[in-house]
Amino acid sequence: MKKRFIVLLDLNEHSAALLRYAFQWSLHANTPLVLLHQTSVIIPGLAHTEYKQSLINKGNEDALQLLKELVA
């Protein structure tokens, strides 16, 4: 079985501390980290498909940018 730490992040104010803790723990255990985040986007029900997709893409891009900043 492959060993790894899966870290669930919701990108709140405590995420940086959680990531630092998990990183130190993974170094000690010599295992890789896997970061996981699920983007939640509020979309109007009657919005066009293209608009819905653009909102989802924007939410994913923003979340990815925040994850990159946390990792750096």
PDB file of N, CA and C in Angstrom:
ATOM      1  N   MET A   1       0.835  -1.176   0.000  1.00  0.00           N
ATOM      2  CA  MET A   1       0.000   0.000   0.000  1.00  0.00           C
ATOM      3  C   MET A   1       0.883   1.243   0.000  1.00  0.00           C
ATOM      4  N   LYS A   2       0.557   2.187  -0.854  1.00  0.00           N
ATOM      5  CA  LYS A   2       1.323   3.423  -0.947  1.00  0.00           C
ATOM      6  C   LYS A   2       0.953   4.348   0.210  1.00  0.00           C
ATOM      7  N   LYS A   3       1.965   4.830   0.922  1.00  0.00           N
ATOM      8  CA  LYS A   3       1.722   5.728   2.045  1.00  0.00           C
ATOM      9  C   LYS A   3       1.801   7.171   1.569  1.00  0.00           C
ATOM     10  N   ARG A   4       0.857   7.974   2.063  1.00  0.00           N
ATOM     11  CA  ARG A   4       0.845   9.402   1.756  1.00  0.00           C
ATOM     12  C   ARG A   4      -0.096  10.087   2.737  1.00  0.00           C
ATOM     13  N   PHE A   5       0.083  11.390   2.883  1.00  0.00           N
ATOM     14  CA  PHE A   5      -0.812  12.190   3.703  1.00  0.00           C
ATOM     15  C   PHE A   5      -1.743  12.943   2.768  1.00  0.00           C
ATOM     16  N   ILE A   6      -3.031  12.761   2.964  1.00  0.00           N
ATOM     17  CA  ILE A   6      -4.024  13.499   2.199  1.00  0.00           C
ATOM     18  C   ILE A   6      -4.541  14.600   3.116  1.00  0.00           C
ATOM     19  N   VAL A   7      -4.334  15.847   2.695  1.00  0.00           N
ATOM     20  CA  VAL A   7      -4.699  17.001   3.504  1.00  0.00           C
ATOM     21  C   VAL A   7      -5.905  17.670   2.851  1.00  0.00           C
ATOM     22  N   LEU A   8      -7.010  17.710   3.583  1.00  0.00           N
ATOM     23  CA  LEU A   8      -8.223  18.356   3.100  1.00  0.00           C
ATOM     24  C   LEU A   8      -8.190  19.820   3.534  1.00  0.00           C
ATOM     25  N   LEU A   9      -8.242  20.721   2.574  1.00  0.00           N
ATOM     26  CA  LEU A   9      -8.158  22.150   2.861  1.00  0.00           C
ATOM     27  C   LEU A   9      -9.432  22.854   2.407  1.00  0.00           C
ATOM     28  N   ASP A  10      -9.951  23.741   3.265  1.00  0.00           N
ATOM     29  CA  ASP A  10     -11.090  24.544   2.868  1.00  0.00           C
ATOM     30  C   ASP A  10     -10.689  25.999   2.630  1.00  0.00           C
ATOM     31  N   LEU A  11      -9.397  26.266   2.675  1.00  0.00           N
ATOM     32  CA  LEU A  11      -8.814  27.573   2.371  1.00  0.00           C
ATOM     33  C   LEU A  11      -9.333  28.682   3.290  1.00  0.00           C
ATOM     34  N   ASN A  12      -9.454  28.374   4.572  1.00  0.00           N
ATOM     35  CA  ASN A  12      -9.808  29.407   5.542  1.00  0.00           C
ATOM     36  C   ASN A  12      -8.537  29.912   6.218  1.00  0.00           C
ATOM     37  N   GLU A  13      -8.691  30.686   7.282  1.00  0.00           N
ATOM     38  CA  GLU A  13      -7.524  31.298   7.935  1.00  0.00           C
ATOM     39  C   GLU A  13      -6.642  30.281   8.645  1.00  0.00           C
ATOM     40  N   HIS A  14      -7.122  29.068   8.871  1.00  0.00           N
ATOM     41  CA  HIS A  14      -6.334  28.040   9.554  1.00  0.00           C
ATOM     42  C   HIS A  14      -5.606  27.100   8.589  1.00  0.00           C
ATOM     43  N   SER A  15      -5.830  27.251   7.309  1.00  0.00           N
ATOM     44  CA  SER A  15      -5.257  26.335   6.325  1.00  0.00           C
ATOM     45  C   SER A  15      -3.731  26.387   6.292  1.00  0.00           C
ATOM     46  N   ALA A  16      -3.161  27.564   6.453  1.00  0.00           N
ATOM     47  CA  ALA A  16      -1.700  27.694   6.413  1.00  0.00           C
ATOM     48  C   ALA A  16      -1.064  26.914   7.572  1.00  0.00           C
ATOM     49  N   ALA A  17      -1.642  27.041   8.758  1.00  0.00           N
ATOM     50  CA  ALA A  17      -1.099  26.320   9.918  1.00  0.00           C
ATOM     51  C   ALA A  17      -1.254  24.809   9.730  1.00  0.00           C
ATOM     52  N   LEU A  18      -2.397  24.381   9.215  1.00  0.00           N
ATOM     53  CA  LEU A  18      -2.620  22.967   8.962  1.00  0.00           C
ATOM     54  C   LEU A  18      -1.617  22.426   7.951  1.00  0.00           C
ATOM     55  N   LEU A  19      -1.369  23.197   6.907  1.00  0.00           N
ATOM     56  CA  LEU A  19      -0.436  22.761   5.868  1.00  0.00           C
ATOM     57  C   LEU A  19       0.991  22.673   6.408  1.00  0.00           C
ATOM     58  N   ARG A  20       1.408  23.640   7.224  1.00  0.00           N
ATOM     59  CA  ARG A  20       2.744  23.586   7.832  1.00  0.00           C
ATOM     60  C   ARG A  20       2.886  22.352   8.727  1.00  0.00           C
ATOM     61  N   TYR A  21       1.864  22.077   9.525  1.00  0.00           N
ATOM     62  CA  TYR A  21       1.880  20.914  10.413  1.00  0.00           C
ATOM     63  C   TYR A  21       1.957  19.619   9.608  1.00  0.00           C
ATOM     64  N   ALA A  22       1.132  19.507   8.587  1.00  0.00           N
ATOM     65  CA  ALA A  22       1.126  18.290   7.767  1.00  0.00           C
ATOM     66  C   ALA A  22       2.448  18.127   7.022  1.00  0.00           C
ATOM     67  N   PHE A  23       3.031  19.232   6.575  1.00  0.00           N
ATOM     68  CA  PHE A  23       4.313  19.167   5.866  1.00  0.00           C
ATOM     69  C   PHE A  23       5.414  18.651   6.787  1.00  0.00           C
ATOM     70  N   GLN A  24       5.483  19.173   8.006  1.00  0.00           N
ATOM     71  CA  GLN A  24       6.494  18.707   8.962  1.00  0.00           C
ATOM     72  C   GLN A  24       6.291  17.229   9.288  1.00  0.00           C
ATOM     73  N   TRP A  25       5.056  16.827   9.420  1.00  0.00           N
ATOM     74  CA  TRP A  25       4.743  15.434   9.715  1.00  0.00           C
ATOM     75  C   TRP A  25       5.132  14.543   8.537  1.00  0.00           C
ATOM     76  N   SER A  26       4.892  15.002   7.315  1.00  0.00           N
ATOM     77  CA  SER A  26       5.251  14.197   6.138  1.00  0.00           C
ATOM     78  C   SER A  26       6.767  14.088   5.991  1.00  0.00           C
ATOM     79  N   LEU A  27       7.501  15.134   6.351  1.00  0.00           N
ATOM     80  CA  LEU A  27       8.961  15.048   6.319  1.00  0.00           C
ATOM     81  C   LEU A  27       9.456  14.014   7.319  1.00  0.00           C
ATOM     82  N   HIS A  28       8.866  14.028   8.501  1.00  0.00           N
ATOM     83  CA  HIS A  28       9.262  13.081   9.538  1.00  0.00           C
ATOM     84  C   HIS A  28       8.957  11.645   9.132  1.00  0.00           C
ATOM     85  N   ALA A  29       7.815  11.442   8.466  1.00  0.00           N
ATOM     86  CA  ALA A  29       7.405  10.093   8.065  1.00  0.00           C
ATOM     87  C   ALA A  29       7.911   9.718   6.670  1.00  0.00           C
ATOM     88  N   ASN A  30       8.547  10.656   5.984  1.00  0.00           N
ATOM     89  CA  ASN A  30       9.076  10.434   4.639  1.00  0.00           C
ATOM     90  C   ASN A  30       7.978   9.964   3.665  1.00  0.00           C
ATOM     91  N   THR A  31       6.870  10.711   3.673  1.00  0.00           N
ATOM     92  CA  THR A  31       5.756  10.412   2.780  1.00  0.00           C
ATOM     93  C   THR A  31       5.332  11.687   2.061  1.00  0.00           C
ATOM     94  N   PRO A  32       4.779  11.555   0.859  1.00  0.00           N
ATOM     95  CA  PRO A  32       4.340  12.755   0.126  1.00  0.00           C
ATOM     96  C   PRO A  32       3.012  13.294   0.660  1.00  0.00           C
ATOM     97  N   LEU A  33       2.778  14.559   0.387  1.00  0.00           N
ATOM     98  CA  LEU A  33       1.516  15.208   0.721  1.00  0.00           C
ATOM     99  C   LEU A  33       0.637  15.271  -0.518  1.00  0.00           C
ATOM    100  N   VAL A  34      -0.640  15.056  -0.333  1.00  0.00           N
ATOM    101  CA  VAL A  34      -1.628  15.255  -1.386  1.00  0.00           C
ATOM    102  C   VAL A  34      -2.617  16.280  -0.850  1.00  0.00           C
ATOM    103  N   LEU A  35      -2.740  17.413  -1.534  1.00  0.00           N
ATOM    104  CA  LEU A  35      -3.666  18.456  -1.109  1.00  0.00           C
ATOM    105  C   LEU A  35      -4.974  18.297  -1.860  1.00  0.00           C
ATOM    106  N   LEU A  36      -6.083  18.398  -1.134  1.00  0.00           N
ATOM    107  CA  LEU A  36      -7.390  18.222  -1.736  1.00  0.00           C
ATOM    108  C   LEU A  36      -8.301  19.356  -1.309  1.00  0.00           C
ATOM    109  N   HIS A  37      -8.926  19.983  -2.303  1.00  0.00           N
ATOM    110  CA  HIS A  37      -9.882  21.060  -2.048  1.00  0.00           C
ATOM    111  C   HIS A  37     -11.044  20.900  -3.009  1.00  0.00           C
ATOM    112  N   GLN A  38     -12.259  21.061  -2.509  1.00  0.00           N
ATOM    113  CA  GLN A  38     -13.437  21.031  -3.366  1.00  0.00           C
ATOM    114  C   GLN A  38     -14.012  22.436  -3.421  1.00  0.00           C
ATOM    115  N   THR A  39     -14.130  22.957  -4.617  1.00  0.00           N
ATOM    116  CA  THR A  39     -14.641  24.309  -4.806  1.00  0.00           C
ATOM    117  C   THR A  39     -16.159  24.304  -4.722  1.00  0.00           C
ATOM    118  N   SER A  40     -16.700  25.208  -3.919  1.00  0.00           N
ATOM    119  CA  SER A  40     -18.153  25.393  -3.826  1.00  0.00           C
ATOM    120  C   SER A  40     -18.495  26.733  -4.455  1.00  0.00           C
ATOM    121  N   VAL A  41     -19.350  26.692  -5.455  1.00  0.00           N
ATOM    122  CA  VAL A  41     -19.730  27.907  -6.167  1.00  0.00           C
ATOM    123  C   VAL A  41     -21.249  28.025  -6.120  1.00  0.00           C
ATOM    124  N   ILE A  42     -21.737  29.196  -5.730  1.00  0.00           N
ATOM    125  CA  ILE A  42     -23.176  29.452  -5.732  1.00  0.00           C
ATOM    126  C   ILE A  42     -23.552  29.990  -7.106  1.00  0.00           C
ATOM    127  N   ILE A  43     -24.463  29.272  -7.767  1.00  0.00           N
ATOM    128  CA  ILE A  43     -24.837  29.612  -9.140  1.00  0.00           C
ATOM    129  C   ILE A  43     -26.349  29.780  -9.208  1.00  0.00           C
ATOM    130  N   PRO A  44     -26.827  30.850  -9.847  1.00  0.00           N
ATOM    131  CA  PRO A  44     -28.271  30.998 -10.027  1.00  0.00           C
ATOM    132  C   PRO A  44     -28.850  29.838 -10.844  1.00  0.00           C
ATOM    133  N   GLY A  45     -30.013  29.380 -10.463  1.00  0.00           N
ATOM    134  CA  GLY A  45     -30.613  28.222 -11.113  1.00  0.00           C
ATOM    135  C   GLY A  45     -30.965  28.441 -12.574  1.00  0.00           C
ATOM    136  N   LEU A  46     -31.328  29.634 -12.960  1.00  0.00           N
ATOM    137  CA  LEU A  46     -31.748  29.905 -14.332  1.00  0.00           C
ATOM    138  C   LEU A  46     -30.626  30.471 -15.199  1.00  0.00           C
ATOM    139  N   ALA A  47     -29.408  30.425 -14.720  1.00  0.00           N
ATOM    140  CA  ALA A  47     -28.274  30.967 -15.484  1.00  0.00           C
ATOM    141  C   ALA A  47     -27.973  30.078 -16.685  1.00  0.00           C
ATOM    142  N   HIS A  48     -27.463  30.701 -17.726  1.00  0.00           N
ATOM    143  CA  HIS A  48     -27.081  29.961 -18.928  1.00  0.00           C
ATOM    144  C   HIS A  48     -25.895  29.046 -18.624  1.00  0.00           C
ATOM    145  N   THR A  49     -25.781  27.993 -19.391  1.00  0.00           N
ATOM    146  CA  THR A  49     -24.734  26.996 -19.191  1.00  0.00           C
ATOM    147  C   THR A  49     -23.349  27.619 -19.279  1.00  0.00           C
ATOM    148  N   GLU A  50     -23.140  28.507 -20.244  1.00  0.00           N
ATOM    149  CA  GLU A  50     -21.824  29.147 -20.403  1.00  0.00           C
ATOM    150  C   GLU A  50     -21.484  29.989 -19.183  1.00  0.00           C
ATOM    151  N   TYR A  51     -22.482  30.697 -18.651  1.00  0.00           N
ATOM    152  CA  TYR A  51     -22.257  31.532 -17.471  1.00  0.00           C
ATOM    153  C   TYR A  51     -21.942  30.667 -16.258  1.00  0.00           C
ATOM    154  N   LYS A  52     -22.696  29.562 -16.089  1.00  0.00           N
ATOM    155  CA  LYS A  52     -22.431  28.641 -14.996  1.00  0.00           C
ATOM    156  C   LYS A  52     -20.997  28.111 -15.065  1.00  0.00           C
ATOM    157  N   GLN A  53     -20.600  27.702 -16.266  1.00  0.00           N
ATOM    158  CA  GLN A  53     -19.248  27.160 -16.434  1.00  0.00           C
ATOM    159  C   GLN A  53     -18.190  28.215 -16.154  1.00  0.00           C
ATOM    160  N   SER A  54     -18.442  29.470 -16.560  1.00  0.00           N
ATOM    161  CA  SER A  54     -17.465  30.526 -16.296  1.00  0.00           C
ATOM    162  C   SER A  54     -17.337  30.789 -14.799  1.00  0.00           C
ATOM    163  N   LEU A  55     -18.454  30.716 -14.050  1.00  0.00           N
ATOM    164  CA  LEU A  55     -18.388  30.883 -12.599  1.00  0.00           C
ATOM    165  C   LEU A  55     -17.607  29.743 -11.945  1.00  0.00           C
ATOM    166  N   ILE A  56     -17.845  28.524 -12.418  1.00  0.00           N
ATOM    167  CA  ILE A  56     -17.119  27.367 -11.879  1.00  0.00           C
ATOM    168  C   ILE A  56     -15.633  27.489 -12.175  1.00  0.00           C
ATOM    169  N   ASN A  57     -15.292  27.865 -13.411  1.00  0.00           N
ATOM    170  CA  ASN A  57     -13.882  28.025 -13.781  1.00  0.00           C
ATOM    171  C   ASN A  57     -13.208  29.100 -12.949  1.00  0.00           C
ATOM    172  N   LYS A  58     -13.902  30.222 -12.723  1.00  0.00           N
ATOM    173  CA  LYS A  58     -13.339  31.319 -11.925  1.00  0.00           C
ATOM    174  C   LYS A  58     -13.104  30.849 -10.485  1.00  0.00           C
ATOM    175  N   GLY A  59     -14.065  30.121  -9.915  1.00  0.00           N
ATOM    176  CA  GLY A  59     -13.901  29.597  -8.559  1.00  0.00           C
ATOM    177  C   GLY A  59     -12.729  28.640  -8.452  1.00  0.00           C
ATOM    178  N   ASN A  60     -12.572  27.776  -9.451  1.00  0.00           N
ATOM    179  CA  ASN A  60     -11.451  26.835  -9.453  1.00  0.00           C
ATOM    180  C   ASN A  60     -10.114  27.554  -9.603  1.00  0.00           C
ATOM    181  N   GLU A  61     -10.060  28.570 -10.472  1.00  0.00           N
ATOM    182  CA  GLU A  61      -8.823  29.333 -10.650  1.00  0.00           C
ATOM    183  C   GLU A  61      -8.441  30.066  -9.373  1.00  0.00           C
ATOM    184  N   ASP A  62      -9.428  30.674  -8.702  1.00  0.00           N
ATOM    185  CA  ASP A  62      -9.158  31.376  -7.442  1.00  0.00           C
ATOM    186  C   ASP A  62      -8.648  30.412  -6.372  1.00  0.00           C
ATOM    187  N   ALA A  63      -9.274  29.238  -6.281  1.00  0.00           N
ATOM    188  CA  ALA A  63      -8.854  28.241  -5.292  1.00  0.00           C
ATOM    189  C   ALA A  63      -7.442  27.744  -5.594  1.00  0.00           C
ATOM    190  N   LEU A  64      -7.144  27.507  -6.867  1.00  0.00           N
ATOM    191  CA  LEU A  64      -5.804  27.051  -7.241  1.00  0.00           C
ATOM    192  C   LEU A  64      -4.753  28.098  -6.903  1.00  0.00           C
ATOM    193  N   GLN A  65      -5.073  29.359  -7.140  1.00  0.00           N
ATOM    194  CA  GLN A  65      -4.142  30.446  -6.802  1.00  0.00           C
ATOM    195  C   GLN A  65      -3.872  30.482  -5.300  1.00  0.00           C
ATOM    196  N   LEU A  66      -4.914  30.335  -4.490  1.00  0.00           N
ATOM    197  CA  LEU A  66      -4.738  30.317  -3.035  1.00  0.00           C
ATOM    198  C   LEU A  66      -3.907  29.117  -2.589  1.00  0.00           C
ATOM    199  N   LEU A  67      -4.145  27.961  -3.203  1.00  0.00           N
ATOM    200  CA  LEU A  67      -3.341  26.777  -2.863  1.00  0.00           C
ATOM    201  C   LEU A  67      -1.875  26.993  -3.203  1.00  0.00           C
ATOM    202  N   LYS A  68      -1.619  27.599  -4.357  1.00  0.00           N
ATOM    203  CA  LYS A  68      -0.228  27.870  -4.763  1.00  0.00           C
ATOM    204  C   LYS A  68       0.434  28.819  -3.779  1.00  0.00           C
ATOM    205  N   GLU A  69      -0.306  29.828  -3.320  1.00  0.00           N
ATOM    206  CA  GLU A  69       0.253  30.772  -2.336  1.00  0.00           C
ATOM    207  C   GLU A  69       0.552  30.062  -1.015  1.00  0.00           C
ATOM    208  N   LEU A  70      -0.334  29.159  -0.599  1.00  0.00           N
ATOM    209  CA  LEU A  70      -0.098  28.416   0.641  1.00  0.00           C
ATOM    210  C   LEU A  70       1.129  27.528   0.526  1.00  0.00           C
ATOM    211  N   VAL A  71       1.289  26.876  -0.615  1.00  0.00           N
ATOM    212  CA  VAL A  71       2.424  25.962  -0.804  1.00  0.00           C
ATOM    213  C   VAL A  71       3.732  26.737  -0.853  1.00  0.00           C
ATOM    214  N   ALA A  72       3.691  27.915  -1.444  1.00  0.00           N
ATOM    215  CA  ALA A  72       4.910  28.730  -1.542  1.00  0.00           C
ATOM    216  C   ALA A  72       5.293  29.206  -0.155  1.00  0.00           C
TER     217      ALA A  72
END
